[in-house]
C-alpha atoms as a PDB file:
ATOM      1  CA  UNK A   1     -29.700   4.982  -7.637  1.00  0.00           C
ATOM      2  CA  UNK A   2     -26.256   4.062  -5.468  1.00  0.00           C
ATOM      3  CA  UNK A   3     -23.548   2.507  -7.514  1.00  0.00           C
ATOM      4  CA  UNK A   4     -20.945   0.488  -5.782  1.00  0.00           C
ATOM      5  CA  UNK A   5     -17.401  -1.073  -7.010  1.00  0.00           C
ATOM      6  CA  UNK A   6     -16.404  -3.998  -5.571  1.00  0.00           C
ATOM      7  CA  UNK A   7     -12.901  -5.500  -5.696  1.00  0.00           C
ATOM      8  CA  UNK A   8     -12.364  -9.373  -5.602  1.00  0.00           C
ATOM      9  CA  UNK A   9     -10.106 -11.809  -5.738  1.00  0.00           C
ATOM     10  CA  UNK A  10     -10.355 -14.938  -7.976  1.00  0.00           C
ATOM     11  CA  UNK A  11      -7.880 -17.884  -6.971  1.00  0.00           C
ATOM     12  CA  UNK A  12      -7.594 -21.737  -7.162  1.00  0.00           C
ATOM     13  CA  UNK A  13      -9.980 -23.619  -8.637  1.00  0.00           C
ATOM     14  CA  UNK A  14     -11.967 -20.844  -9.403  1.00  0.00           C
ATOM     15  CA  UNK A  15      -9.768 -20.044 -12.427  1.00  0.00           C
ATOM     16  CA  UNK A  16     -11.764 -22.389 -14.418  1.00  0.00           C
ATOM     17  CA  UNK A  17     -15.002 -20.487 -14.098  1.00  0.00           C
ATOM     18  CA  UNK A  18     -16.143 -18.790 -17.020  1.00  0.00           C
ATOM     19  CA  UNK A  19     -17.093 -15.290 -16.980  1.00  0.00           C
ATOM     20  CA  UNK A  20     -20.455 -15.893 -17.589  1.00  0.00           C
ATOM     21  CA  UNK A  21     -20.676 -18.650 -14.598  1.00  0.00           C
ATOM     22  CA  UNK A  22     -18.999 -15.998 -12.536  1.00  0.00           C
ATOM     23  CA  UNK A  23     -21.666 -13.548 -13.488  1.00  0.00           C
ATOM     24  CA  UNK A  24     -24.376 -16.111 -12.581  1.00  0.00           C
ATOM     25  CA  UNK A  25     -22.437 -17.024  -9.517  1.00  0.00           C
ATOM     26  CA  UNK A  26     -22.359 -13.656  -7.789  1.00  0.00           C
ATOM     27  CA  UNK A  27     -26.892 -12.941  -9.441  1.00  0.00           C
ATOM     28  CA  UNK A  28     -27.141 -16.012  -7.145  1.00  0.00           C
ATOM     29  CA  UNK A  29     -25.201 -14.197  -3.880  1.00  0.00           C
ATOM     30  CA  UNK A  30     -26.774 -11.259  -4.172  1.00  0.00           C
ATOM     31  CA  UNK A  31     -30.098 -12.772  -4.019  1.00  0.00           C
ATOM     32  CA  UNK A  32     -29.341 -15.074  -1.474  1.00  0.00           C
ATOM     33  CA  UNK A  33     -27.642 -12.369   0.698  1.00  0.00           C
ATOM     34  CA  UNK A  34     -30.994 -10.238  -0.132  1.00  0.00           C
ATOM     35  CA  UNK A  35     -29.140  -7.170  -1.925  1.00  0.00           C
ATOM     36  CA  UNK A  36     -31.751  -5.088  -3.741  1.00  0.00           C
ATOM     37  CA  UNK A  37     -29.852  -4.841  -6.811  1.00  0.00           C
ATOM     38  CA  UNK A  38     -31.828  -2.826  -9.322  1.00  0.00           C
ATOM     39  CA  UNK A  39     -32.888  -4.235 -12.429  1.00  0.00           C
ATOM     40  CA  UNK A  40     -33.106  -3.193 -16.300  1.00  0.00           C
ATOM     41  CA  UNK A  41     -36.518  -2.307 -17.777  1.00  0.00           C
ATOM     42  CA  UNK A  42     -38.565  -4.040 -20.356  1.00  0.00           C
ATOM     43  CA  UNK A  43     -39.661  -7.620 -21.111  1.00  0.00           C
ATOM     44  CA  UNK A  44     -36.381  -9.416 -19.606  1.00  0.00           C
ATOM     45  CA  UNK A  45     -34.857  -7.400 -16.633  1.00  0.00           C
ATOM     46  CA  UNK A  46     -31.571  -8.098 -15.661  1.00  0.00           C
ATOM     47  CA  UNK A  47     -29.728  -6.929 -12.350  1.00  0.00           C
ATOM     48  CA  UNK A  48     -27.545  -4.050 -13.279  1.00  0.00           C
ATOM     49  CA  UNK A  49     -23.807  -5.804 -12.721  1.00  0.00           C
ATOM     50  CA  UNK A  50     -20.791  -5.287 -14.702  1.00  0.00           C
ATOM     51  CA  UNK A  51     -17.092  -6.513 -14.712  1.00  0.00           C
ATOM     52  CA  UNK A  52     -14.583  -4.022 -15.182  1.00  0.00           C
ATOM     53  CA  UNK A  53     -12.495  -6.102 -17.611  1.00  0.00           C
ATOM     54  CA  UNK A  54     -13.341  -9.755 -18.254  1.00  0.00           C
ATOM     55  CA  UNK A  55     -11.021 -12.368 -16.985  1.00  0.00           C
ATOM     56  CA  UNK A  56      -9.840 -15.507 -19.627  1.00  0.00           C
ATOM     57  CA  UNK A  57     -10.744 -18.712 -18.381  1.00  0.00           C
ATOM     58  CA  UNK A  58      -7.830 -20.174 -16.619  1.00  0.00           C
ATOM     59  CA  UNK A  59      -6.482 -17.061 -14.967  1.00  0.00           C
ATOM     60  CA  UNK A  60      -6.144 -16.265 -11.540  1.00  0.00           C
ATOM     61  CA  UNK A  61      -6.707 -12.640 -10.267  1.00  0.00           C
ATOM     62  CA  UNK A  62      -5.566 -10.873  -7.462  1.00  0.00           C
ATOM     63  CA  UNK A  63      -8.068  -7.521  -8.040  1.00  0.00           C
ATOM     64  CA  UNK A  64     -11.161  -8.057 -10.169  1.00  0.00           C
ATOM     65  CA  UNK A  65     -13.861  -5.299 -10.336  1.00  0.00           C
ATOM     66  CA  UNK A  66     -17.573  -5.473  -9.954  1.00  0.00           C
ATOM     67  CA  UNK A  67     -19.960  -2.941 -10.232  1.00  0.00           C
ATOM     68  CA  UNK A  68     -23.437  -2.894  -9.075  1.00  0.00           C
ATOM     69  CA  UNK A  69     -26.413  -0.746  -8.849  1.00  0.00           C
ATOM     70  CA  UNK A  70     -29.119  -1.151  -5.851  1.00  0.00           C
ATOM     71  CA  UNK A  71     -32.681   0.434  -4.673  1.00  0.00           C
ATOM     72  CA  UNK A  72     -30.959   1.484  -1.318  1.00  0.00           C
ATOM     73  CA  UNK A  73     -27.881   2.391   0.189  1.00  0.00           C
ATOM     74  CA  UNK A  74     -26.041  -0.280   1.680  1.00  0.00           C
ATOM     75  CA  UNK A  75     -24.260  -0.478   4.887  1.00  0.00           C
ATOM     76  CA  UNK A  76     -20.829  -2.351   3.721  1.00  0.00           C
ATOM     77  CA  UNK A  77     -20.001  -4.004   7.017  1.00  0.00           C
ATOM     78  CA  UNK A  78     -23.023  -5.550   7.254  1.00  0.00           C
ATOM     79  CA  UNK A  79     -22.863  -6.146   3.143  1.00  0.00           C
ATOM     80  CA  UNK A  80     -19.817  -8.216   3.098  1.00  0.00           C
ATOM     81  CA  UNK A  81     -20.395 -10.672   5.878  1.00  0.00           C
ATOM     82  CA  UNK A  82     -23.309 -11.853   4.283  1.00  0.00           C
ATOM     83  CA  UNK A  83     -22.481 -11.812   0.923  1.00  0.00           C
ATOM     84  CA  UNK A  84     -19.252 -13.854   2.092  1.00  0.00           C
ATOM     85  CA  UNK A  85     -21.910 -16.820   3.052  1.00  0.00           C
ATOM     86  CA  UNK A  86     -22.782 -17.243  -0.340  1.00  0.00           C
ATOM     87  CA  UNK A  87     -19.464 -17.735  -2.275  1.00  0.00           C
ATOM     88  CA  UNK A  88     -17.343 -20.040  -2.867  1.00  0.00           C
ATOM     89  CA  UNK A  89     -13.804 -20.871  -1.867  1.00  0.00           C
ATOM     90  CA  UNK A  90     -11.275 -18.747  -3.860  1.00  0.00           C
ATOM     91  CA  UNK A  91     -13.829 -15.807  -4.736  1.00  0.00           C
ATOM     92  CA  UNK A  92     -13.145 -13.138  -1.966  1.00  0.00           C
ATOM     93  CA  UNK A  93     -14.524 -10.077  -2.056  1.00  0.00           C
ATOM     94  CA  UNK A  94     -11.736  -7.323  -0.797  1.00  0.00           C
ATOM     95  CA  UNK A  95     -13.705  -4.093  -0.633  1.00  0.00           C
ATOM     96  CA  UNK A  96     -16.654  -2.274  -1.270  1.00  0.00           C
ATOM     97  CA  UNK A  97     -16.875   1.265  -2.373  1.00  0.00           C
ATOM     98  CA  UNK A  98     -20.105   3.871  -3.223  1.00  0.00           C
ATOM     99  CA  UNK A  99     -18.958   5.656  -6.380  1.00  0.00           C
ATOM    100  CA  UNK A 100     -20.195   9.066  -7.273  1.00  0.00           C
ATOM    101  CA  UNK A 101     -23.015   9.401  -9.781  1.00  0.00           C
ATOM    102  CA  UNK A 102     -20.808  11.728 -11.951  1.00  0.00           C
ATOM    103  CA  UNK A 103     -18.520   8.959 -12.606  1.00  0.00           C
ATOM    104  CA  UNK A 104     -18.108   6.812 -15.706  1.00  0.00           C
ATOM    105  CA  UNK A 105     -18.508   2.904 -15.362  1.00  0.00           C
ATOM    106  CA  UNK A 106     -15.314   0.900 -14.800  1.00  0.00           C
ATOM    107  CA  UNK A 107     -15.979  -0.890 -18.017  1.00  0.00           C
ATOM    108  CA  UNK A 108     -15.853   2.282 -19.731  1.00  0.00           C
ATOM    109  CA  UNK A 109     -12.633   3.560 -17.849  1.00  0.00           C
ATOM    110  CA  UNK A 110     -10.175   0.794 -17.641  1.00  0.00           C
ATOM    111  CA  UNK A 111      -6.920   1.437 -19.521  1.00  0.00           C
ATOM    112  CA  UNK A 112      -4.202  -1.371 -18.189  1.00  0.00           C
ATOM    113  CA  UNK A 113      -3.878  -4.742 -16.820  1.00  0.00           C
ATOM    114  CA  UNK A 114      -1.067  -6.111 -14.371  1.00  0.00           C
ATOM    115  CA  UNK A 115       0.240  -9.517 -15.160  1.00  0.00           C
ATOM    116  CA  UNK A 116       2.520 -12.178 -13.691  1.00  0.00           C
ATOM    117  CA  UNK A 117       3.106 -14.612 -16.271  1.00  0.00           C
ATOM    118  CA  UNK A 118       5.181 -17.799 -14.981  1.00  0.00           C
ATOM    119  CA  UNK A 119       7.353 -20.155 -17.163  1.00  0.00           C
ATOM    120  CA  UNK A 120       8.874 -23.241 -15.841  1.00  0.00           C
ATOM    121  CA  UNK A 121      12.342 -23.639 -17.541  1.00  0.00           C
ATOM    122  CA  UNK A 122      14.050 -26.070 -15.503  1.00  0.00           C
ATOM    123  CA  UNK A 123      17.538 -26.311 -14.480  1.00  0.00           C
ATOM    124  CA  UNK A 124      19.116 -23.459 -16.977  1.00  0.00           C
ATOM    125  CA  UNK A 125      20.922 -20.089 -17.092  1.00  0.00           C
ATOM    126  CA  UNK A 126      19.031 -17.115 -18.477  1.00  0.00           C
ATOM    127  CA  UNK A 127      20.400 -13.320 -18.854  1.00  0.00           C
ATOM    128  CA  UNK A 128      16.890 -11.844 -18.048  1.00  0.00           C
ATOM    129  CA  UNK A 129      17.854  -8.314 -18.591  1.00  0.00           C
ATOM    130  CA  UNK A 130      19.331  -9.058 -21.919  1.00  0.00           C
ATOM    131  CA  UNK A 131      16.284 -11.287 -23.384  1.00  0.00           C
ATOM    132  CA  UNK A 132      13.474  -8.334 -22.161  1.00  0.00           C
ATOM    133  CA  UNK A 133      15.932  -5.891 -23.526  1.00  0.00           C
ATOM    134  CA  UNK A 134      15.959  -7.703 -27.023  1.00  0.00           C
ATOM    135  CA  UNK A 135      12.386  -8.762 -27.285  1.00  0.00           C
ATOM    136  CA  UNK A 136      11.117  -5.403 -27.041  1.00  0.00           C
ATOM    137  CA  UNK A 137      13.790  -3.509 -29.121  1.00  0.00           C
ATOM    138  CA  UNK A 138      12.543  -5.464 -32.093  1.00  0.00           C
ATOM    139  CA  UNK A 139      10.664  -3.293 -34.926  1.00  0.00           C
ATOM    140  CA  UNK A 140       7.459  -5.039 -34.416  1.00  0.00           C
ATOM    141  CA  UNK A 141       6.373  -7.930 -31.921  1.00  0.00           C
ATOM    142  CA  UNK A 142       3.699  -9.573 -34.959  1.00  0.00           C
ATOM    143  CA  UNK A 143       1.943 -12.472 -33.735  1.00  0.00           C
ATOM    144  CA  UNK A 144      -1.326 -14.176 -35.190  1.00  0.00           C
ATOM    145  CA  UNK A 145      -4.750 -13.219 -33.756  1.00  0.00           C
ATOM    146  CA  UNK A 146      -7.816 -15.142 -34.387  1.00  0.00           C
ATOM    147  CA  UNK A 147     -10.844 -13.028 -35.764  1.00  0.00           C
ATOM    148  CA  UNK A 148     -13.931 -14.473 -34.790  1.00  0.00           C
ATOM    149  CA  UNK A 149     -15.633 -11.328 -36.324  1.00  0.00           C
ATOM    150  CA  UNK A 150     -13.977 -12.077 -39.735  1.00  0.00           C
ATOM    151  CA  UNK A 151     -13.454 -16.031 -39.068  1.00  0.00           C
ATOM    152  CA  UNK A 152      -9.787 -15.457 -40.066  1.00  0.00           C
ATOM    153  CA  UNK A 153      -6.291 -15.052 -38.806  1.00  0.00           C
ATOM    154  CA  UNK A 154      -4.942 -11.186 -38.489  1.00  0.00           C
ATOM    155  CA  UNK A 155      -1.577 -10.649 -38.501  1.00  0.00           C
ATOM    156  CA  UNK A 156      -1.132  -7.969 -35.918  1.00  0.00           C
ATOM    157  CA  UNK A 157       1.845  -5.839 -34.004  1.00  0.00           C
ATOM    158  CA  UNK A 158       1.456  -5.879 -30.098  1.00  0.00           C
ATOM    159  CA  UNK A 159       4.499  -3.849 -29.377  1.00  0.00           C
ATOM    160  CA  UNK A 160       2.663  -0.697 -29.168  1.00  0.00           C
ATOM    161  CA  UNK A 161       0.420  -2.137 -27.103  1.00  0.00           C
ATOM    162  CA  UNK A 162       3.236  -3.747 -24.066  1.00  0.00           C
ATOM    163  CA  UNK A 163       3.311  -0.920 -21.360  1.00  0.00           C
ATOM    164  CA  UNK A 164       6.074  -2.390 -19.449  1.00  0.00           C
ATOM    165  CA  UNK A 165       8.124  -5.740 -19.801  1.00  0.00           C
ATOM    166  CA  UNK A 166      10.521  -7.302 -16.931  1.00  0.00           C
ATOM    167  CA  UNK A 167      11.878 -10.695 -17.113  1.00  0.00           C
ATOM    168  CA  UNK A 168      13.311 -12.427 -13.696  1.00  0.00           C
ATOM    169  CA  UNK A 169      13.976 -15.891 -12.441  1.00  0.00           C
ATOM    170  CA  UNK A 170      12.951 -17.303  -9.375  1.00  0.00           C
ATOM    171  CA  UNK A 171      14.447 -20.904  -8.481  1.00  0.00           C
ATOM    172  CA  UNK A 172      13.092 -23.287 -11.579  1.00  0.00           C
ATOM    173  CA  UNK A 173      11.136 -20.600 -13.105  1.00  0.00           C
ATOM    174  CA  UNK A 174      11.288 -17.607 -15.434  1.00  0.00           C
ATOM    175  CA  UNK A 175       8.845 -14.782 -13.694  1.00  0.00           C
ATOM    176  CA  UNK A 176       7.438 -12.071 -16.526  1.00  0.00           C
ATOM    177  CA  UNK A 177       5.867  -8.899 -15.297  1.00  0.00           C
ATOM    178  CA  UNK A 178       4.317  -6.965 -17.431  1.00  0.00           C
ATOM    179  CA  UNK A 179       1.391  -4.342 -17.989  1.00  0.00           C
ATOM    180  CA  UNK A 180      -0.635  -4.431 -21.264  1.00  0.00           C
ATOM    181  CA  UNK A 181      -3.639  -2.297 -22.634  1.00  0.00           C
ATOM    182  CA  UNK A 182      -6.946  -3.151 -21.498  1.00  0.00           C
ATOM    183  CA  UNK A 183     -10.503  -1.981 -22.294  1.00  0.00           C
ATOM    184  CA  UNK A 184     -12.572  -1.103 -24.859  1.00  0.00           C
ATOM    185  CA  UNK A 185     -10.015   1.761 -26.724  1.00  0.00           C
ATOM    186  CA  UNK A 186      -7.239  -0.742 -26.894  1.00  0.00           C
ATOM    187  CA  UNK A 187      -6.765  -4.115 -25.409  1.00  0.00           C
ATOM    188  CA  UNK A 188      -3.930  -7.003 -25.644  1.00  0.00           C
ATOM    189  CA  UNK A 189      -4.545 -10.286 -24.481  1.00  0.00           C
ATOM    190  CA  UNK A 190      -2.296 -12.049 -22.647  1.00  0.00           C
ATOM    191  CA  UNK A 191      -2.198 -15.131 -25.061  1.00  0.00           C
ATOM    192  CA  UNK A 192      -0.470 -13.200 -27.748  1.00  0.00           C
ATOM    193  CA  UNK A 193       2.106 -11.620 -25.771  1.00  0.00           C
ATOM    194  CA  UNK A 194       2.861 -15.478 -24.425  1.00  0.00           C
ATOM    195  CA  UNK A 195       2.649 -16.159 -27.845  1.00  0.00           C
ATOM    196  CA  UNK A 196       5.400 -13.878 -29.223  1.00  0.00           C
ATOM    197  CA  UNK A 197       7.518 -14.446 -26.712  1.00  0.00           C
ATOM    198  CA  UNK A 198       7.638 -17.882 -26.650  1.00  0.00           C
ATOM    199  CA  UNK A 199       8.705 -18.018 -30.417  1.00  0.00           C
ATOM    200  CA  UNK A 200      10.990 -14.938 -29.965  1.00  0.00           C
ATOM    201  CA  UNK A 201      13.219 -16.663 -26.848  1.00  0.00           C
ATOM    202  CA  UNK A 202      12.633 -20.374 -28.565  1.00  0.00           C
ATOM    203  CA  UNK A 203      12.156 -21.970 -25.338  1.00  0.00           C
ATOM    204  CA  UNK A 204      10.233 -25.300 -25.863  1.00  0.00           C
ATOM    205  CA  UNK A 205       7.482 -24.867 -22.735  1.00  0.00           C
ATOM    206  CA  UNK A 206       3.887 -26.060 -23.562  1.00  0.00           C
ATOM    207  CA  UNK A 207       1.147 -23.464 -23.374  1.00  0.00           C
ATOM    208  CA  UNK A 208      -0.700 -25.539 -20.492  1.00  0.00           C
ATOM    209  CA  UNK A 209       2.314 -25.508 -18.264  1.00  0.00           C
ATOM    210  CA  UNK A 210       2.427 -21.615 -18.368  1.00  0.00           C
ATOM    211  CA  UNK A 211       0.244 -19.581 -15.720  1.00  0.00           C
ATOM    212  CA  UNK A 212      -1.285 -16.186 -15.406  1.00  0.00           C
ATOM    213  CA  UNK A 213      -2.139 -14.300 -12.454  1.00  0.00           C
ATOM    214  CA  UNK A 214      -3.711 -10.689 -13.196  1.00  0.00           C
ATOM    215  CA  UNK A 215      -2.328  -8.678 -10.139  1.00  0.00           C
ATOM    216  CA  UNK A 216      -4.110  -5.091 -11.068  1.00  0.00           C
ATOM    217  CA  UNK A 217      -6.254  -3.201 -13.336  1.00  0.00           C
ATOM    218  CA  UNK A 218      -5.788   0.459 -13.566  1.00  0.00           C
ATOM    219  CA  UNK A 219      -8.690   2.518 -14.769  1.00  0.00           C
ATOM    220  CA  UNK A 220      -8.177   6.627 -16.105  1.00  0.00           C
ATOM    221  CA  UNK A 221      -9.349   9.518 -13.837  1.00  0.00           C
ATOM    222  CA  UNK A 222     -12.770  10.015 -14.326  1.00  0.00           C
END
């Protein structure tokens, strides 16, 4: 059966839409647009829809990925305008591509995620290069991670999961561009990086004032 990968944006107020609500939104949109999704078998069948990497509540994204399977091949020139009629402002499909049947699913092949994290610092001077270098020069970057499975707080070293880390200032904001491990093999939440960086830098910034945008997901060749 045909398998498609769709790239889409999640912007503005849609950042407060949970992962499950986003899944429901797309299910309704596909159904309203009369896209003949392929369903699982069994007592309670579900449409075959999967995301590349779940996006945390409160994050915006410039490039998310969604994978669907359909009963018949779709014409993207007809498919995209039709589906957009049923999507709210802030959710926009950028592209759709037919996948080769032998390729891995996007959920199993995601390896890294790119983020831009914005800290409001007000009128102050920072040596961004020195701060970034000294942060990464730590032997370990230890943070507290809550374990839902074991219901306890664990101390983890996130340094090996940081692939890129760069700082710059723009007006009264500190901008962090970073690339982190993402996927089933190794995954680092930006929340843990924010925790470790704020503690190291001693910047007194409430978490709710920090803005996170996921700019890109990267998948291994498959």
